[in-house]
PDB file of N, CA and C in Angstrom:
ATOM      1  N   UNK A   1     137.643  64.323  58.660  1.00  0.00           N
ATOM      2  CA  UNK A   1     137.457  65.704  58.219  1.00  0.00           C
ATOM      3  C   UNK A   1     136.224  66.316  58.869  1.00  0.00           C
ATOM      4  N   UNK A   2     135.201  65.549  59.114  1.00  0.00           N
ATOM      5  CA  UNK A   2     133.980  66.110  59.681  1.00  0.00           C
ATOM      6  C   UNK A   2     134.149  66.430  61.166  1.00  0.00           C
ATOM      7  N   UNK A   3     135.052  65.771  61.853  1.00  0.00           N
ATOM      8  CA  UNK A   3     135.286  66.045  63.282  1.00  0.00           C
ATOM      9  C   UNK A   3     135.734  67.486  63.512  1.00  0.00           C
ATOM     10  N   UNK A   4     136.744  68.001  62.795  1.00  0.00           N
ATOM     11  CA  UNK A   4     137.144  69.396  63.026  1.00  0.00           C
ATOM     12  C   UNK A   4     136.034  70.392  62.656  1.00  0.00           C
ATOM     13  N   UNK A   5     135.298  70.118  61.577  1.00  0.00           N
ATOM     14  CA  UNK A   5     134.221  71.019  61.185  1.00  0.00           C
ATOM     15  C   UNK A   5     133.117  71.048  62.235  1.00  0.00           C
ATOM     16  N   UNK A   6     132.818  69.907  62.792  1.00  0.00           N
ATOM     17  CA  UNK A   6     131.803  69.823  63.842  1.00  0.00           C
ATOM     18  C   UNK A   6     132.244  70.594  65.077  1.00  0.00           C
ATOM     19  N   UNK A   7     133.517  70.483  65.417  1.00  0.00           N
ATOM     20  CA  UNK A   7     134.039  71.198  66.585  1.00  0.00           C
ATOM     21  C   UNK A   7     134.019  72.711  66.363  1.00  0.00           C
ATOM     22  N   UNK A   8     134.370  73.148  65.168  1.00  0.00           N
ATOM     23  CA  UNK A   8     134.347  74.580  64.862  1.00  0.00           C
ATOM     24  C   UNK A   8     132.912  75.099  64.918  1.00  0.00           C
ATOM     25  N   UNK A   9     131.978  74.358  64.321  1.00  0.00           N
ATOM     26  CA  UNK A   9     130.576  74.758  64.349  1.00  0.00           C
ATOM     27  C   UNK A   9     130.069  74.848  65.791  1.00  0.00           C
ATOM     28  N   UNK A  10     130.382  73.857  66.602  1.00  0.00           N
ATOM     29  CA  UNK A  10     129.933  73.850  68.002  1.00  0.00           C
ATOM     30  C   UNK A  10     130.547  75.020  68.776  1.00  0.00           C
ATOM     31  N   UNK A  11     131.799  75.337  68.487  1.00  0.00           N
ATOM     32  CA  UNK A  11     132.470  76.464  69.144  1.00  0.00           C
ATOM     33  C   UNK A  11     131.727  77.770  68.884  1.00  0.00           C
ATOM     34  N   UNK A  12     131.426  78.048  67.610  1.00  0.00           N
ATOM     35  CA  UNK A  12     130.730  79.281  67.276  1.00  0.00           C
ATOM     36  C   UNK A  12     129.280  79.278  67.762  1.00  0.00           C
ATOM     37  N   UNK A  13     128.608  78.142  67.664  1.00  0.00           N
ATOM     38  CA  UNK A  13     127.220  78.049  68.136  1.00  0.00           C
ATOM     39  C   UNK A  13     127.140  78.359  69.626  1.00  0.00           C
ATOM     40  N   UNK A  14     128.015  77.758  70.406  1.00  0.00           N
ATOM     41  CA  UNK A  14     128.010  77.996  71.852  1.00  0.00           C
ATOM     42  C   UNK A  14     128.404  79.437  72.180  1.00  0.00           C
ATOM     43  N   UNK A  15     129.320  79.991  71.411  1.00  0.00           N
ATOM     44  CA  UNK A  15     129.738  81.369  71.635  1.00  0.00           C
ATOM     45  C   UNK A  15     128.609  82.350  71.374  1.00  0.00           C
ATOM     46  N   UNK A  16     127.859  82.149  70.276  1.00  0.00           N
ATOM     47  CA  UNK A  16     126.759  83.055  69.968  1.00  0.00           C
ATOM     48  C   UNK A  16     125.602  82.895  70.944  1.00  0.00           C
ATOM     49  N   UNK A  17     125.411  81.703  71.465  1.00  0.00           N
ATOM     50  CA  UNK A  17     124.327  81.496  72.437  1.00  0.00           C
ATOM     51  C   UNK A  17     124.583  82.241  73.738  1.00  0.00           C
ATOM     52  N   UNK A  18     125.847  82.311  74.142  1.00  0.00           N
ATOM     53  CA  UNK A  18     126.144  82.916  75.439  1.00  0.00           C
ATOM     54  C   UNK A  18     126.398  84.419  75.355  1.00  0.00           C
ATOM     55  N   UNK A  19     126.331  85.014  74.174  1.00  0.00           N
ATOM     56  CA  UNK A  19     126.561  86.449  74.028  1.00  0.00           C
ATOM     57  C   UNK A  19     125.378  87.241  74.593  1.00  0.00           C
ATOM     58  N   UNK A  20     125.684  88.358  75.194  1.00  0.00           N
ATOM     59  CA  UNK A  20     124.623  89.272  75.608  1.00  0.00           C
ATOM     60  C   UNK A  20     124.784  90.600  74.869  1.00  0.00           C
ATOM     61  N   UNK A  21     125.914  91.244  75.024  1.00  0.00           N
ATOM     62  CA  UNK A  21     126.171  92.509  74.336  1.00  0.00           C
ATOM     63  C   UNK A  21     126.389  92.249  72.848  1.00  0.00           C
ATOM     64  N   UNK A  22     126.991  91.122  72.523  1.00  0.00           N
ATOM     65  CA  UNK A  22     127.291  90.794  71.131  1.00  0.00           C
ATOM     66  C   UNK A  22     126.051  90.704  70.263  1.00  0.00           C
ATOM     67  N   UNK A  23     124.961  90.201  70.813  1.00  0.00           N
ATOM     68  CA  UNK A  23     123.723  90.107  70.041  1.00  0.00           C
ATOM     69  C   UNK A  23     123.218  91.493  69.652  1.00  0.00           C
ATOM     70  N   UNK A  24     123.309  92.422  70.576  1.00  0.00           N
ATOM     71  CA  UNK A  24     122.901  93.796  70.286  1.00  0.00           C
ATOM     72  C   UNK A  24     123.803  94.411  69.234  1.00  0.00           C
ATOM     73  N   UNK A  25     125.092  94.161  69.327  1.00  0.00           N
ATOM     74  CA  UNK A  25     126.031  94.695  68.338  1.00  0.00           C
ATOM     75  C   UNK A  25     125.767  94.109  66.950  1.00  0.00           C
ATOM     76  N   UNK A  26     125.462  92.819  66.876  1.00  0.00           N
ATOM     77  CA  UNK A  26     125.150  92.205  65.581  1.00  0.00           C
ATOM     78  C   UNK A  26     123.875  92.799  64.995  1.00  0.00           C
ATOM     79  N   UNK A  27     122.893  93.103  65.838  1.00  0.00           N
ATOM     80  CA  UNK A  27     121.669  93.746  65.342  1.00  0.00           C
ATOM     81  C   UNK A  27     121.981  95.118  64.770  1.00  0.00           C
ATOM     82  N   UNK A  28     122.842  95.876  65.445  1.00  0.00           N
ATOM     83  CA  UNK A  28     123.231  97.199  64.951  1.00  0.00           C
ATOM     84  C   UNK A  28     123.957  97.073  63.619  1.00  0.00           C
ATOM     85  N   UNK A  29     124.848  96.108  63.504  1.00  0.00           N
ATOM     86  CA  UNK A  29     125.582  95.890  62.259  1.00  0.00           C
ATOM     87  C   UNK A  29     124.627  95.549  61.123  1.00  0.00           C
ATOM     88  N   UNK A  30     123.668  94.679  61.370  1.00  0.00           N
ATOM     89  CA  UNK A  30     122.714  94.295  60.324  1.00  0.00           C
ATOM     90  C   UNK A  30     121.832  95.469  59.902  1.00  0.00           C
ATOM     91  N   UNK A  31     121.432  96.296  60.856  1.00  0.00           N
ATOM     92  CA  UNK A  31     120.624  97.479  60.515  1.00  0.00           C
ATOM     93  C   UNK A  31     121.447  98.449  59.674  1.00  0.00           C
ATOM     94  N   UNK A  32     122.715  98.650  60.024  1.00  0.00           N
ATOM     95  CA  UNK A  32     123.569  99.539  59.241  1.00  0.00           C
ATOM     96  C   UNK A  32     123.774  99.012  57.830  1.00  0.00           C
ATOM     97  N   UNK A  33     123.959  97.713  57.687  1.00  0.00           N
ATOM     98  CA  UNK A  33     124.106  97.126  56.353  1.00  0.00           C
ATOM     99  C   UNK A  33     122.830  97.297  55.532  1.00  0.00           C
ATOM    100  N   UNK A  34     121.693  97.106  56.162  1.00  0.00           N
ATOM    101  CA  UNK A  34     120.425  97.301  55.477  1.00  0.00           C
ATOM    102  C   UNK A  34     120.302  98.733  54.977  1.00  0.00           C
ATOM    103  N   UNK A  35     120.658  99.686  55.817  1.00  0.00           N
ATOM    104  CA  UNK A  35     120.594 101.094  55.417  1.00  0.00           C
ATOM    105  C   UNK A  35     121.554 101.362  54.271  1.00  0.00           C
ATOM    106  N   UNK A  36     122.768 100.863  54.388  1.00  0.00           N
ATOM    107  CA  UNK A  36     123.765 101.148  53.345  1.00  0.00           C
ATOM    108  C   UNK A  36     123.378 100.554  51.998  1.00  0.00           C
ATOM    109  N   UNK A  37     122.943  99.314  51.981  1.00  0.00           N
ATOM    110  CA  UNK A  37     122.718  98.647  50.702  1.00  0.00           C
ATOM    111  C   UNK A  37     121.307  98.822  50.155  1.00  0.00           C
ATOM    112  N   UNK A  38     120.332  98.987  50.983  1.00  0.00           N
ATOM    113  CA  UNK A  38     118.959  99.103  50.492  1.00  0.00           C
ATOM    114  C   UNK A  38     118.542 100.555  50.301  1.00  0.00           C
ATOM    115  N   UNK A  39     118.648 101.343  51.336  1.00  0.00           N
ATOM    116  CA  UNK A  39     118.153 102.717  51.288  1.00  0.00           C
ATOM    117  C   UNK A  39     119.037 103.595  50.412  1.00  0.00           C
ATOM    118  N   UNK A  40     120.337 103.542  50.590  1.00  0.00           N
ATOM    119  CA  UNK A  40     121.224 104.385  49.802  1.00  0.00           C
ATOM    120  C   UNK A  40     121.180 104.047  48.317  1.00  0.00           C
ATOM    121  N   UNK A  41     120.944 102.795  47.991  1.00  0.00           N
ATOM    122  CA  UNK A  41     120.853 102.394  46.591  1.00  0.00           C
ATOM    123  C   UNK A  41     119.682 103.092  45.905  1.00  0.00           C
ATOM    124  N   UNK A  42     118.607 103.247  46.607  1.00  0.00           N
ATOM    125  CA  UNK A  42     117.437 103.900  46.028  1.00  0.00           C
ATOM    126  C   UNK A  42     117.705 105.357  45.664  1.00  0.00           C
ATOM    127  N   UNK A  43     118.507 106.049  46.480  1.00  0.00           N
ATOM    128  CA  UNK A  43     118.710 107.478  46.276  1.00  0.00           C
ATOM    129  C   UNK A  43     119.935 107.830  45.443  1.00  0.00           C
ATOM    130  N   UNK A  44     120.993 107.018  45.527  1.00  0.00           N
ATOM    131  CA  UNK A  44     122.245 107.404  44.897  1.00  0.00           C
ATOM    132  C   UNK A  44     122.623 106.576  43.675  1.00  0.00           C
ATOM    133  N   UNK A  45     121.941 105.486  43.413  1.00  0.00           N
ATOM    134  CA  UNK A  45     122.281 104.637  42.285  1.00  0.00           C
ATOM    135  C   UNK A  45     121.042 104.374  41.438  1.00  0.00           C
ATOM    136  N   UNK A  46     120.637 105.342  40.637  1.00  0.00           N
ATOM    137  CA  UNK A  46     119.438 105.148  39.820  1.00  0.00           C
ATOM    138  C   UNK A  46     119.685 104.113  38.727  1.00  0.00           C
ATOM    139  N   UNK A  47     118.609 103.564  38.212  1.00  0.00           N
ATOM    140  CA  UNK A  47     118.707 102.555  37.167  1.00  0.00           C
ATOM    141  C   UNK A  47     118.900 103.263  35.823  1.00  0.00           C
ATOM    142  N   UNK A  48     120.147 103.424  35.429  1.00  0.00           N
ATOM    143  CA  UNK A  48     120.509 104.181  34.229  1.00  0.00           C
ATOM    144  C   UNK A  48     119.889 103.577  32.977  1.00  0.00           C
ATOM    145  N   UNK A  49     119.967 102.271  32.836  1.00  0.00           N
ATOM    146  CA  UNK A  49     119.469 101.629  31.616  1.00  0.00           C
ATOM    147  C   UNK A  49     117.954 101.733  31.502  1.00  0.00           C
ATOM    148  N   UNK A  50     117.241 101.574  32.594  1.00  0.00           N
ATOM    149  CA  UNK A  50     115.779 101.655  32.562  1.00  0.00           C
ATOM    150  C   UNK A  50     115.298 103.051  32.196  1.00  0.00           C
ATOM    151  N   UNK A  51     116.003 104.069  32.698  1.00  0.00           N
ATOM    152  CA  UNK A  51     115.542 105.435  32.472  1.00  0.00           C
ATOM    153  C   UNK A  51     115.954 105.990  31.113  1.00  0.00           C
ATOM    154  N   UNK A  52     117.031 105.476  30.524  1.00  0.00           N
ATOM    155  CA  UNK A  52     117.531 106.059  29.281  1.00  0.00           C
ATOM    156  C   UNK A  52     117.214 105.248  28.028  1.00  0.00           C
ATOM    157  N   UNK A  53     116.725 104.034  28.177  1.00  0.00           N
ATOM    158  CA  UNK A  53     116.433 103.187  27.018  1.00  0.00           C
ATOM    159  C   UNK A  53     115.060 102.568  27.178  1.00  0.00           C
ATOM    160  N   UNK A  54     114.349 102.428  26.049  1.00  0.00           N
ATOM    161  CA  UNK A  54     112.964 101.961  26.090  1.00  0.00           C
ATOM    162  C   UNK A  54     112.848 100.436  26.117  1.00  0.00           C
ATOM    163  N   UNK A  55     113.660  99.741  25.321  1.00  0.00           N
ATOM    164  CA  UNK A  55     113.498  98.295  25.173  1.00  0.00           C
ATOM    165  C   UNK A  55     114.737  97.559  25.663  1.00  0.00           C
ATOM    166  N   UNK A  56     114.564  96.266  25.878  1.00  0.00           N
ATOM    167  CA  UNK A  56     115.692  95.429  26.278  1.00  0.00           C
ATOM    168  C   UNK A  56     116.747  95.369  25.180  1.00  0.00           C
ATOM    169  N   UNK A  57     116.320  95.417  23.937  1.00  0.00           N
ATOM    170  CA  UNK A  57     117.273  95.369  22.826  1.00  0.00           C
ATOM    171  C   UNK A  57     118.161  96.614  22.830  1.00  0.00           C
ATOM    172  N   UNK A  58     117.582  97.771  23.072  1.00  0.00           N
ATOM    173  CA  UNK A  58     118.374  99.003  23.150  1.00  0.00           C
ATOM    174  C   UNK A  58     119.354  98.951  24.318  1.00  0.00           C
ATOM    175  N   UNK A  59     118.910  98.428  25.431  1.00  0.00           N
ATOM    176  CA  UNK A  59     119.784  98.305  26.603  1.00  0.00           C
ATOM    177  C   UNK A  59     120.942  97.363  26.310  1.00  0.00           C
ATOM    178  N   UNK A  60     120.639  96.223  25.693  1.00  0.00           N
ATOM    179  CA  UNK A  60     121.678  95.256  25.360  1.00  0.00           C
ATOM    180  C   UNK A  60     122.678  95.845  24.374  1.00  0.00           C
ATOM    181  N   UNK A  61     122.194  96.582  23.388  1.00  0.00           N
ATOM    182  CA  UNK A  61     123.087  97.211  22.411  1.00  0.00           C
ATOM    183  C   UNK A  61     124.002  98.236  23.087  1.00  0.00           C
ATOM    184  N   UNK A  62     123.462  99.004  24.001  1.00  0.00           N
ATOM    185  CA  UNK A  62     124.275 100.001  24.706  1.00  0.00           C
ATOM    186  C   UNK A  62     125.362  99.319  25.538  1.00  0.00           C
ATOM    187  N   UNK A  63     125.002  98.281  26.268  1.00  0.00           N
ATOM    188  CA  UNK A  63     125.981  97.579  27.093  1.00  0.00           C
ATOM    189  C   UNK A  63     127.063  96.957  26.213  1.00  0.00           C
ATOM    190  N   UNK A  64     126.662  96.327  25.126  1.00  0.00           N
ATOM    191  CA  UNK A  64     127.636  95.720  24.217  1.00  0.00           C
ATOM    192  C   UNK A  64     128.565  96.775  23.631  1.00  0.00           C
ATOM    193  N   UNK A  65     128.012  97.914  23.277  1.00  0.00           N
ATOM    194  CA  UNK A  65     128.821  99.004  22.725  1.00  0.00           C
ATOM    195  C   UNK A  65     129.830  99.507  23.758  1.00  0.00           C
ATOM    196  N   UNK A  66     129.399  99.644  25.006  1.00  0.00           N
ATOM    197  CA  UNK A  66     130.294 100.136  26.056  1.00  0.00           C
ATOM    198  C   UNK A  66     131.392  99.133  26.387  1.00  0.00           C
ATOM    199  N   UNK A  67     131.060  97.856  26.330  1.00  0.00           N
ATOM    200  CA  UNK A  67     132.047  96.822  26.651  1.00  0.00           C
ATOM    201  C   UNK A  67     133.046  96.586  25.535  1.00  0.00           C
ATOM    202  N   UNK A  68     132.636  96.807  24.293  1.00  0.00           N
ATOM    203  CA  UNK A  68     133.503  96.453  23.173  1.00  0.00           C
ATOM    204  C   UNK A  68     134.139  97.654  22.482  1.00  0.00           C
ATOM    205  N   UNK A  69     133.997  98.829  23.025  1.00  0.00           N
ATOM    206  CA  UNK A  69     134.611  99.987  22.364  1.00  0.00           C
ATOM    207  C   UNK A  69     136.117  99.981  22.646  1.00  0.00           C
ATOM    208  N   UNK A  70     136.904 100.439  21.674  1.00  0.00           N
ATOM    209  CA  UNK A  70     138.363 100.407  21.834  1.00  0.00           C
ATOM    210  C   UNK A  70     138.834 101.380  22.913  1.00  0.00           C
ATOM    211  N   UNK A  71     139.961 101.060  23.485  1.00  0.00           N
ATOM    212  CA  UNK A  71     140.546 101.894  24.521  1.00  0.00           C
ATOM    213  C   UNK A  71     141.248 103.073  23.866  1.00  0.00           C
ATOM    214  N   UNK A  72     140.975 104.266  24.344  1.00  0.00           N
ATOM    215  CA  UNK A  72     141.619 105.474  23.831  1.00  0.00           C
ATOM    216  C   UNK A  72     142.750 105.830  24.780  1.00  0.00           C
ATOM    217  N   UNK A  73     143.969 105.901  24.229  1.00  0.00           N
ATOM    218  CA  UNK A  73     145.121 106.221  25.050  1.00  0.00           C
ATOM    219  C   UNK A  73     145.497 107.675  24.856  1.00  0.00           C
ATOM    220  N   UNK A  74     145.642 108.375  25.955  1.00  0.00           N
ATOM    221  CA  UNK A  74     146.060 109.783  25.900  1.00  0.00           C
ATOM    222  C   UNK A  74     147.561 109.862  26.071  1.00  0.00           C
ATOM    223  N   UNK A  75     148.240 110.461  25.104  1.00  0.00           N
ATOM    224  CA  UNK A  75     149.701 110.611  25.193  1.00  0.00           C
ATOM    225  C   UNK A  75     150.067 112.009  25.481  1.00  0.00           C
TER     226      UNK A  75
END
């Protein structure tokens, strides 16, 4: 079982070592991911529980209430 895994690892390792344009593309991808998940989170996803509740107990009660409230069906 370790022989195929070793061969797959060596295949990808050698492929990434010989890349020239690919390394630049991977850097661009990582920068875009950083922007999407780090920067956008700060501006578009505020911490609702921290801003609307004072204590951890209040936050826990709110979450429990939201998770356990009955489903309202519209007919």
